[in-house]
Amino acid sequence: MKGGCTRIVTPQGEAWECDRGNVGLATSGSGDTLAGILAGLLARGATPLQAALWGVYVHGEAGRRLAADQGPVGFLARMLPGEVPAILAALGPPHG
């Protein structure tokens, strides 16, 4: 469930919350960017759960970094992907 706080729930009932998002992510194309991040993580071998957890975090963190640099509503969705490589590098490889 996507909103200011994103909830990820598995069919088995495991649940996670990510509150990294901000109002700047409520811009046209931001959800498409999140979908692209998820697809990219899946293409690199992440499980669907890993992709969901990492993707939501990375998307929110990209929004947080842009809000700090550009202002809370001063950025566009097309700017989010530019933040992704540095965020992923800082996180390191996923562990299954």
PDB file of N, CA and C in Angstrom:
ATOM      1  N   MET A   1       0.854  -1.164   0.000  1.00  0.00           N
ATOM      2  CA  MET A   1       0.000   0.000   0.000  1.00  0.00           C
ATOM      3  C   MET A   1       0.900   1.226   0.000  1.00  0.00           C
ATOM      4  N   LYS A   2       0.740   2.087  -1.002  1.00  0.00           N
ATOM      5  CA  LYS A   2       1.618   3.235  -1.183  1.00  0.00           C
ATOM      6  C   LYS A   2       0.950   4.502  -0.683  1.00  0.00           C
ATOM      7  N   GLY A   3       1.724   5.278   0.018  1.00  0.00           N
ATOM      8  CA  GLY A   3       1.299   6.581   0.518  1.00  0.00           C
ATOM      9  C   GLY A   3       2.524   7.233   1.133  1.00  0.00           C
ATOM     10  N   GLY A   4       2.331   8.193   2.020  1.00  0.00           N
ATOM     11  CA  GLY A   4       3.453   8.802   2.728  1.00  0.00           C
ATOM     12  C   GLY A   4       4.259   7.757   3.483  1.00  0.00           C
ATOM     13  N   CYS A   5       3.543   6.776   4.005  1.00  0.00           N
ATOM     14  CA  CYS A   5       4.159   5.596   4.612  1.00  0.00           C
ATOM     15  C   CYS A   5       3.756   4.418   3.735  1.00  0.00           C
ATOM     16  N   THR A   6       4.716   3.678   3.254  1.00  0.00           N
ATOM     17  CA  THR A   6       4.429   2.540   2.381  1.00  0.00           C
ATOM     18  C   THR A   6       4.459   1.260   3.188  1.00  0.00           C
ATOM     19  N   ARG A   7       3.473   0.418   2.979  1.00  0.00           N
ATOM     20  CA  ARG A   7       3.398  -0.876   3.657  1.00  0.00           C
ATOM     21  C   ARG A   7       3.574  -1.988   2.636  1.00  0.00           C
ATOM     22  N   ILE A   8       4.417  -2.936   2.977  1.00  0.00           N
ATOM     23  CA  ILE A   8       4.659  -4.102   2.141  1.00  0.00           C
ATOM     24  C   ILE A   8       4.252  -5.314   2.966  1.00  0.00           C
ATOM     25  N   VAL A   9       3.363  -6.139   2.408  1.00  0.00           N
ATOM     26  CA  VAL A   9       2.846  -7.297   3.129  1.00  0.00           C
ATOM     27  C   VAL A   9       2.907  -8.510   2.204  1.00  0.00           C
ATOM     28  N   THR A  10       3.426  -9.622   2.733  1.00  0.00           N
ATOM     29  CA  THR A  10       3.483 -10.855   1.959  1.00  0.00           C
ATOM     30  C   THR A  10       2.187 -11.639   2.135  1.00  0.00           C
ATOM     31  N   PRO A  11       1.926 -12.607   1.247  1.00  0.00           N
ATOM     32  CA  PRO A  11       0.748 -13.465   1.423  1.00  0.00           C
ATOM     33  C   PRO A  11       0.786 -14.240   2.746  1.00  0.00           C
ATOM     34  N   GLN A  12       1.980 -14.444   3.301  1.00  0.00           N
ATOM     35  CA  GLN A  12       2.125 -15.151   4.571  1.00  0.00           C
ATOM     36  C   GLN A  12       1.880 -14.249   5.779  1.00  0.00           C
ATOM     37  N   GLY A  13       1.653 -12.969   5.562  1.00  0.00           N
ATOM     38  CA  GLY A  13       1.347 -12.058   6.649  1.00  0.00           C
ATOM     39  C   GLY A  13       2.535 -11.284   7.201  1.00  0.00           C
ATOM     40  N   GLU A  14       3.731 -11.491   6.646  1.00  0.00           N
ATOM     41  CA  GLU A  14       4.874 -10.675   7.068  1.00  0.00           C
ATOM     42  C   GLU A  14       4.625  -9.248   6.591  1.00  0.00           C
ATOM     43  N   ALA A  15       5.028  -8.271   7.397  1.00  0.00           N
ATOM     44  CA  ALA A  15       4.724  -6.881   7.051  1.00  0.00           C
ATOM     45  C   ALA A  15       5.889  -5.963   7.394  1.00  0.00           C
ATOM     46  N   TRP A  16       6.076  -4.959   6.547  1.00  0.00           N
ATOM     47  CA  TRP A  16       7.098  -3.935   6.739  1.00  0.00           C
ATOM     48  C   TRP A  16       6.482  -2.578   6.433  1.00  0.00           C
ATOM     49  N   GLU A  17       7.048  -1.545   7.042  1.00  0.00           N
ATOM     50  CA  GLU A  17       6.662  -0.158   6.763  1.00  0.00           C
ATOM     51  C   GLU A  17       7.901   0.637   6.417  1.00  0.00           C
ATOM     52  N   CYS A  18       7.741   1.557   5.491  1.00  0.00           N
ATOM     53  CA  CYS A  18       8.825   2.477   5.148  1.00  0.00           C
ATOM     54  C   CYS A  18       8.237   3.878   5.145  1.00  0.00           C
ATOM     55  N   ASP A  19       8.788   4.744   5.991  1.00  0.00           N
ATOM     56  CA  ASP A  19       8.284   6.117   6.075  1.00  0.00           C
ATOM     57  C   ASP A  19       9.243   7.111   5.438  1.00  0.00           C
ATOM     58  N   ARG A  20      10.057   6.653   4.495  1.00  0.00           N
ATOM     59  CA  ARG A  20      11.026   7.504   3.824  1.00  0.00           C
ATOM     60  C   ARG A  20      10.395   8.509   2.870  1.00  0.00           C
ATOM     61  N   GLY A  21       9.171   8.264   2.423  1.00  0.00           N
ATOM     62  CA  GLY A  21       8.558   9.127   1.423  1.00  0.00           C
ATOM     63  C   GLY A  21       8.299  10.540   1.933  1.00  0.00           C
ATOM     64  N   ASN A  22       8.034  11.427   1.011  1.00  0.00           N
ATOM     65  CA  ASN A  22       7.700  12.811   1.351  1.00  0.00           C
ATOM     66  C   ASN A  22       6.758  13.367   0.297  1.00  0.00           C
ATOM     67  N   VAL A  23       6.249  14.541   0.529  1.00  0.00           N
ATOM     68  CA  VAL A  23       5.258  15.145  -0.359  1.00  0.00           C
ATOM     69  C   VAL A  23       5.813  15.352  -1.773  1.00  0.00           C
ATOM     70  N   GLY A  24       7.100  15.521  -1.911  1.00  0.00           N
ATOM     71  CA  GLY A  24       7.696  15.706  -3.235  1.00  0.00           C
ATOM     72  C   GLY A  24       7.526  14.502  -4.141  1.00  0.00           C
ATOM     73  N   LEU A  25       7.324  13.328  -3.550  1.00  0.00           N
ATOM     74  CA  LEU A  25       7.132  12.122  -4.354  1.00  0.00           C
ATOM     75  C   LEU A  25       5.717  12.024  -4.923  1.00  0.00           C
ATOM     76  N   ALA A  26       4.837  12.918  -4.530  1.00  0.00           N
ATOM     77  CA  ALA A  26       3.476  12.950  -5.067  1.00  0.00           C
ATOM     78  C   ALA A  26       3.450  13.790  -6.333  1.00  0.00           C
ATOM     79  N   THR A  27       4.385  13.497  -7.228  1.00  0.00           N
ATOM     80  CA  THR A  27       4.478  14.216  -8.491  1.00  0.00           C
ATOM     81  C   THR A  27       4.261  13.241  -9.634  1.00  0.00           C
ATOM     82  N   SER A  28       3.747  13.731 -10.715  1.00  0.00           N
ATOM     83  CA  SER A  28       3.463  12.890 -11.874  1.00  0.00           C
ATOM     84  C   SER A  28       4.712  12.120 -12.306  1.00  0.00           C
ATOM     85  N   GLY A  29       4.578  10.808 -12.438  1.00  0.00           N
ATOM     86  CA  GLY A  29       5.682   9.964 -12.883  1.00  0.00           C
ATOM     87  C   GLY A  29       6.469   9.320 -11.769  1.00  0.00           C
ATOM     88  N   SER A  30       6.254   9.740 -10.535  1.00  0.00           N
ATOM     89  CA  SER A  30       7.009   9.178  -9.420  1.00  0.00           C
ATOM     90  C   SER A  30       6.702   7.690  -9.229  1.00  0.00           C
ATOM     91  N   GLY A  31       5.453   7.305  -9.365  1.00  0.00           N
ATOM     92  CA  GLY A  31       5.089   5.893  -9.255  1.00  0.00           C
ATOM     93  C   GLY A  31       5.698   5.065 -10.372  1.00  0.00           C
ATOM     94  N   ASP A  32       5.764   5.642 -11.566  1.00  0.00           N
ATOM     95  CA  ASP A  32       6.419   4.957 -12.686  1.00  0.00           C
ATOM     96  C   ASP A  32       7.898   4.766 -12.405  1.00  0.00           C
ATOM     97  N   THR A  33       8.502   5.750 -11.766  1.00  0.00           N
ATOM     98  CA  THR A  33       9.911   5.637 -11.395  1.00  0.00           C
ATOM     99  C   THR A  33      10.104   4.523 -10.380  1.00  0.00           C
ATOM    100  N   LEU A  34       9.223   4.437  -9.399  1.00  0.00           N
ATOM    101  CA  LEU A  34       9.280   3.345  -8.425  1.00  0.00           C
ATOM    102  C   LEU A  34       9.151   2.000  -9.132  1.00  0.00           C
ATOM    103  N   ALA A  35       8.218   1.887 -10.068  1.00  0.00           N
ATOM    104  CA  ALA A  35       8.050   0.637 -10.819  1.00  0.00           C
ATOM    105  C   ALA A  35       9.322   0.286 -11.584  1.00  0.00           C
ATOM    106  N   GLY A  36       9.979   1.282 -12.147  1.00  0.00           N
ATOM    107  CA  GLY A  36      11.234   1.040 -12.860  1.00  0.00           C
ATOM    108  C   GLY A  36      12.343   0.579 -11.935  1.00  0.00           C
ATOM    109  N   ILE A  37      12.412   1.155 -10.742  1.00  0.00           N
ATOM    110  CA  ILE A  37      13.407   0.719  -9.753  1.00  0.00           C
ATOM    111  C   ILE A  37      13.156  -0.738  -9.389  1.00  0.00           C
ATOM    112  N   LEU A  38      11.896  -1.085  -9.136  1.00  0.00           N
ATOM    113  CA  LEU A  38      11.543  -2.461  -8.800  1.00  0.00           C
ATOM    114  C   LEU A  38      11.916  -3.410  -9.933  1.00  0.00           C
ATOM    115  N   ALA A  39      11.572  -3.053 -11.153  1.00  0.00           N
ATOM    116  CA  ALA A  39      11.889  -3.904 -12.306  1.00  0.00           C
ATOM    117  C   ALA A  39      13.395  -4.071 -12.468  1.00  0.00           C
ATOM    118  N   GLY A  40      14.135  -2.999 -12.261  1.00  0.00           N
ATOM    119  CA  GLY A  40      15.587  -3.076 -12.366  1.00  0.00           C
ATOM    120  C   GLY A  40      16.188  -3.998 -11.316  1.00  0.00           C
ATOM    121  N   LEU A  41      15.683  -3.939 -10.096  1.00  0.00           N
ATOM    122  CA  LEU A  41      16.174  -4.828  -9.046  1.00  0.00           C
ATOM    123  C   LEU A  41      15.825  -6.282  -9.351  1.00  0.00           C
ATOM    124  N   LEU A  42      14.626  -6.521  -9.857  1.00  0.00           N
ATOM    125  CA  LEU A  42      14.235  -7.883 -10.245  1.00  0.00           C
ATOM    126  C   LEU A  42      15.129  -8.394 -11.372  1.00  0.00           C
ATOM    127  N   ALA A  43      15.413  -7.544 -12.339  1.00  0.00           N
ATOM    128  CA  ALA A  43      16.265  -7.933 -13.468  1.00  0.00           C
ATOM    129  C   ALA A  43      17.680  -8.271 -13.020  1.00  0.00           C
ATOM    130  N   ARG A  44      18.105  -7.693 -11.923  1.00  0.00           N
ATOM    131  CA  ARG A  44      19.447  -7.972 -11.395  1.00  0.00           C
ATOM    132  C   ARG A  44      19.464  -9.164 -10.449  1.00  0.00           C
ATOM    133  N   GLY A  45      18.327  -9.845 -10.284  1.00  0.00           N
ATOM    134  CA  GLY A  45      18.307 -11.071  -9.513  1.00  0.00           C
ATOM    135  C   GLY A  45      17.687 -10.992  -8.131  1.00  0.00           C
ATOM    136  N   ALA A  46      17.148  -9.846  -7.759  1.00  0.00           N
ATOM    137  CA  ALA A  46      16.492  -9.739  -6.456  1.00  0.00           C
ATOM    138  C   ALA A  46      15.201 -10.561  -6.471  1.00  0.00           C
ATOM    139  N   THR A  47      14.851 -11.110  -5.331  1.00  0.00           N
ATOM    140  CA  THR A  47      13.552 -11.764  -5.213  1.00  0.00           C
ATOM    141  C   THR A  47      12.480 -10.676  -5.227  1.00  0.00           C
ATOM    142  N   PRO A  48      11.233 -11.047  -5.479  1.00  0.00           N
ATOM    143  CA  PRO A  48      10.182 -10.027  -5.439  1.00  0.00           C
ATOM    144  C   PRO A  48      10.114  -9.282  -4.097  1.00  0.00           C
ATOM    145  N   LEU A  49      10.297  -9.992  -2.992  1.00  0.00           N
ATOM    146  CA  LEU A  49      10.272  -9.323  -1.692  1.00  0.00           C
ATOM    147  C   LEU A  49      11.465  -8.384  -1.537  1.00  0.00           C
ATOM    148  N   GLN A  50      12.653  -8.839  -1.908  1.00  0.00           N
ATOM    149  CA  GLN A  50      13.832  -7.962  -1.842  1.00  0.00           C
ATOM    150  C   GLN A  50      13.622  -6.725  -2.700  1.00  0.00           C
ATOM    151  N   ALA A  51      13.114  -6.912  -3.920  1.00  0.00           N
ATOM    152  CA  ALA A  51      12.896  -5.778  -4.820  1.00  0.00           C
ATOM    153  C   ALA A  51      11.904  -4.793  -4.217  1.00  0.00           C
ATOM    154  N   ALA A  52      10.836  -5.312  -3.610  1.00  0.00           N
ATOM    155  CA  ALA A  52       9.840  -4.423  -3.000  1.00  0.00           C
ATOM    156  C   ALA A  52      10.442  -3.642  -1.842  1.00  0.00           C
ATOM    157  N   LEU A  53      11.149  -4.342  -0.947  1.00  0.00           N
ATOM    158  CA  LEU A  53      11.729  -3.670   0.219  1.00  0.00           C
ATOM    159  C   LEU A  53      12.789  -2.667  -0.183  1.00  0.00           C
ATOM    160  N   TRP A  54      13.719  -3.096  -1.010  1.00  0.00           N
ATOM    161  CA  TRP A  54      14.799  -2.199  -1.435  1.00  0.00           C
ATOM    162  C   TRP A  54      14.254  -1.070  -2.303  1.00  0.00           C
ATOM    163  N   GLY A  55      13.362  -1.406  -3.234  1.00  0.00           N
ATOM    164  CA  GLY A  55      12.838  -0.391  -4.147  1.00  0.00           C
ATOM    165  C   GLY A  55      12.104   0.722  -3.433  1.00  0.00           C
ATOM    166  N   VAL A  56      11.259   0.368  -2.485  1.00  0.00           N
ATOM    167  CA  VAL A  56      10.512   1.381  -1.733  1.00  0.00           C
ATOM    168  C   VAL A  56      11.466   2.249  -0.922  1.00  0.00           C
ATOM    169  N   TYR A  57      12.452   1.614  -0.291  1.00  0.00           N
ATOM    170  CA  TYR A  57      13.423   2.390   0.481  1.00  0.00           C
ATOM    171  C   TYR A  57      14.215   3.334  -0.427  1.00  0.00           C
ATOM    172  N   VAL A  58      14.735   2.804  -1.517  1.00  0.00           N
ATOM    173  CA  VAL A  58      15.565   3.611  -2.428  1.00  0.00           C
ATOM    174  C   VAL A  58      14.752   4.765  -3.014  1.00  0.00           C
ATOM    175  N   HIS A  59      13.528   4.501  -3.418  1.00  0.00           N
ATOM    176  CA  HIS A  59      12.652   5.541  -3.968  1.00  0.00           C
ATOM    177  C   HIS A  59      12.429   6.650  -2.934  1.00  0.00           C
ATOM    178  N   GLY A  60      12.112   6.255  -1.712  1.00  0.00           N
ATOM    179  CA  GLY A  60      11.901   7.237  -0.651  1.00  0.00           C
ATOM    180  C   GLY A  60      13.159   8.012  -0.307  1.00  0.00           C
ATOM    181  N   GLU A  61      14.285   7.320  -0.259  1.00  0.00           N
ATOM    182  CA  GLU A  61      15.561   7.981   0.042  1.00  0.00           C
ATOM    183  C   GLU A  61      15.949   8.948  -1.069  1.00  0.00           C
ATOM    184  N   ALA A  62      15.690   8.566  -2.315  1.00  0.00           N
ATOM    185  CA  ALA A  62      15.959   9.488  -3.433  1.00  0.00           C
ATOM    186  C   ALA A  62      15.115  10.753  -3.270  1.00  0.00           C
ATOM    187  N   GLY A  63      13.849  10.581  -2.896  1.00  0.00           N
ATOM    188  CA  GLY A  63      12.988  11.734  -2.651  1.00  0.00           C
ATOM    189  C   GLY A  63      13.486  12.584  -1.493  1.00  0.00           C
ATOM    190  N   ARG A  64      13.962  11.925  -0.445  1.00  0.00           N
ATOM    191  CA  ARG A  64      14.488  12.655   0.714  1.00  0.00           C
ATOM    192  C   ARG A  64      15.696  13.481   0.319  1.00  0.00           C
ATOM    193  N   ARG A  65      16.610  12.878  -0.444  1.00  0.00           N
ATOM    194  CA  ARG A  65      17.820  13.602  -0.862  1.00  0.00           C
ATOM    195  C   ARG A  65      17.489  14.773  -1.775  1.00  0.00           C
ATOM    196  N   LEU A  66      16.566  14.555  -2.702  1.00  0.00           N
ATOM    197  CA  LEU A  66      16.190  15.652  -3.595  1.00  0.00           C
ATOM    198  C   LEU A  66      15.466  16.761  -2.849  1.00  0.00           C
ATOM    199  N   ALA A  67      14.626  16.400  -1.882  1.00  0.00           N
ATOM    200  CA  ALA A  67      13.929  17.419  -1.094  1.00  0.00           C
ATOM    201  C   ALA A  67      14.924  18.261  -0.312  1.00  0.00           C
ATOM    202  N   ALA A  68      15.974  17.627   0.208  1.00  0.00           N
ATOM    203  CA  ALA A  68      16.990  18.370   0.954  1.00  0.00           C
ATOM    204  C   ALA A  68      17.758  19.317   0.040  1.00  0.00           C
ATOM    205  N   ASP A  69      17.950  18.899  -1.210  1.00  0.00           N
ATOM    206  CA  ASP A  69      18.739  19.695  -2.155  1.00  0.00           C
ATOM    207  C   ASP A  69      17.894  20.715  -2.923  1.00  0.00           C
ATOM    208  N   GLN A  70      16.687  20.316  -3.341  1.00  0.00           N
ATOM    209  CA  GLN A  70      15.869  21.141  -4.232  1.00  0.00           C
ATOM    210  C   GLN A  70      14.684  21.815  -3.537  1.00  0.00           C
ATOM    211  N   GLY A  71      14.348  21.333  -2.357  1.00  0.00           N
ATOM    212  CA  GLY A  71      13.132  21.784  -1.680  1.00  0.00           C
ATOM    213  C   GLY A  71      12.107  20.663  -1.709  1.00  0.00           C
ATOM    214  N   PRO A  72      11.161  20.677  -0.777  1.00  0.00           N
ATOM    215  CA  PRO A  72      10.239  19.548  -0.628  1.00  0.00           C
ATOM    216  C   PRO A  72       9.335  19.290  -1.829  1.00  0.00           C
ATOM    217  N   VAL A  73       9.048  20.289  -2.626  1.00  0.00           N
ATOM    218  CA  VAL A  73       8.226  20.084  -3.822  1.00  0.00           C
ATOM    219  C   VAL A  73       8.911  20.671  -5.058  1.00  0.00           C
ATOM    220  N   GLY A  74      10.200  20.825  -5.005  1.00  0.00           N
ATOM    221  CA  GLY A  74      10.907  21.461  -6.107  1.00  0.00           C
ATOM    222  C   GLY A  74      11.626  20.512  -7.040  1.00  0.00           C
ATOM    223  N   PHE A  75      11.220  19.225  -7.083  1.00  0.00           N
ATOM    224  CA  PHE A  75      11.895  18.299  -7.992  1.00  0.00           C
ATOM    225  C   PHE A  75      10.872  17.527  -8.811  1.00  0.00           C
ATOM    226  N   LEU A  76      11.346  16.945  -9.902  1.00  0.00           N
ATOM    227  CA  LEU A  76      10.505  16.176 -10.812  1.00  0.00           C
ATOM    228  C   LEU A  76      10.861  14.700 -10.735  1.00  0.00           C
ATOM    229  N   ALA A  77       9.925  13.851 -11.127  1.00  0.00           N
ATOM    230  CA  ALA A  77      10.153  12.399 -11.084  1.00  0.00           C
ATOM    231  C   ALA A  77      11.384  12.000 -11.900  1.00  0.00           C
ATOM    232  N   ARG A  78      11.644  12.686 -12.995  1.00  0.00           N
ATOM    233  CA  ARG A  78      12.790  12.311 -13.837  1.00  0.00           C
ATOM    234  C   ARG A  78      14.130  12.521 -13.130  1.00  0.00           C
ATOM    235  N   MET A  79      14.132  13.225 -12.006  1.00  0.00           N
ATOM    236  CA  MET A  79      15.365  13.451 -11.255  1.00  0.00           C
ATOM    237  C   MET A  79      15.662  12.301 -10.276  1.00  0.00           C
ATOM    238  N   LEU A  80      14.661  11.514  -9.936  1.00  0.00           N
ATOM    239  CA  LEU A  80      14.830  10.434  -8.961  1.00  0.00           C
ATOM    240  C   LEU A  80      15.864   9.385  -9.387  1.00  0.00           C
ATOM    241  N   PRO A  81      15.832   8.887 -10.630  1.00  0.00           N
ATOM    242  CA  PRO A  81      16.790   7.842 -11.001  1.00  0.00           C
ATOM    243  C   PRO A  81      18.252   8.243 -10.851  1.00  0.00           C
ATOM    244  N   GLY A  82      18.554   9.508 -10.957  1.00  0.00           N
ATOM    245  CA  GLY A  82      19.928   9.963 -10.794  1.00  0.00           C
ATOM    246  C   GLY A  82      20.479   9.741  -9.396  1.00  0.00           C
ATOM    247  N   GLU A  83      19.597   9.600  -8.427  1.00  0.00           N
ATOM    248  CA  GLU A  83      20.009   9.363  -7.040  1.00  0.00           C
ATOM    249  C   GLU A  83      20.236   7.886  -6.731  1.00  0.00           C
ATOM    250  N   VAL A  84      19.651   7.014  -7.533  1.00  0.00           N
ATOM    251  CA  VAL A  84      19.616   5.582  -7.226  1.00  0.00           C
ATOM    252  C   VAL A  84      20.999   4.929  -7.123  1.00  0.00           C
ATOM    253  N   PRO A  85      21.916   5.120  -8.064  1.00  0.00           N
ATOM    254  CA  PRO A  85      23.200   4.415  -7.959  1.00  0.00           C
ATOM    255  C   PRO A  85      23.950   4.691  -6.655  1.00  0.00           C
ATOM    256  N   ALA A  86      23.986   5.920  -6.216  1.00  0.00           N
ATOM    257  CA  ALA A  86      24.702   6.249  -4.974  1.00  0.00           C
ATOM    258  C   ALA A  86      24.015   5.620  -3.760  1.00  0.00           C
ATOM    259  N   ILE A  87      22.696   5.593  -3.759  1.00  0.00           N
ATOM    260  CA  ILE A  87      21.961   4.991  -2.634  1.00  0.00           C
ATOM    261  C   ILE A  87      22.234   3.492  -2.590  1.00  0.00           C
ATOM    262  N   LEU A  88      22.151   2.818  -3.728  1.00  0.00           N
ATOM    263  CA  LEU A  88      22.420   1.382  -3.767  1.00  0.00           C
ATOM    264  C   LEU A  88      23.856   1.076  -3.383  1.00  0.00           C
ATOM    265  N   ALA A  89      24.787   1.895  -3.835  1.00  0.00           N
ATOM    266  CA  ALA A  89      26.208   1.677  -3.482  1.00  0.00           C
ATOM    267  C   ALA A  89      26.409   1.799  -1.985  1.00  0.00           C
ATOM    268  N   ALA A  90      25.726   2.733  -1.365  1.00  0.00           N
ATOM    269  CA  ALA A  90      25.866   2.922   0.083  1.00  0.00           C
ATOM    270  C   ALA A  90      25.266   1.749   0.868  1.00  0.00           C
ATOM    271  N   LEU A  91      24.227   1.114   0.308  1.00  0.00           N
ATOM    272  CA  LEU A  91      23.578  -0.005   0.975  1.00  0.00           C
ATOM    273  C   LEU A  91      24.375  -1.293   0.863  1.00  0.00           C
ATOM    274  N   GLY A  92      25.096  -1.470  -0.221  1.00  0.00           N
ATOM    275  CA  GLY A  92      25.827  -2.714  -0.443  1.00  0.00           C
ATOM    276  C   GLY A  92      24.940  -3.775  -1.060  1.00  0.00           C
ATOM    277  N   PRO A  93      25.482  -4.967  -1.295  1.00  0.00           N
ATOM    278  CA  PRO A  93      24.701  -6.014  -1.974  1.00  0.00           C
ATOM    279  C   PRO A  93      23.607  -6.579  -1.062  1.00  0.00           C
ATOM    280  N   PRO A  94      22.474  -6.999  -1.673  1.00  0.00           N
ATOM    281  CA  PRO A  94      21.406  -7.582  -0.863  1.00  0.00           C
ATOM    282  C   PRO A  94      21.804  -8.955  -0.343  1.00  0.00           C
ATOM    283  N   HIS A  95      21.237  -9.307   0.773  1.00  0.00           N
ATOM    284  CA  HIS A  95      21.477 -10.626   1.368  1.00  0.00           C
ATOM    285  C   HIS A  95      20.137 -11.336   1.445  1.00  0.00           C
ATOM    286  N   GLY A  96      20.083 -12.571   0.938  1.00  0.00           N
ATOM    287  CA  GLY A  96      18.823 -13.297   0.891  1.00  0.00           C
ATOM    288  C   GLY A  96      18.586 -14.071   2.096  1.00  0.00           C
TER     289      GLY A  96
END
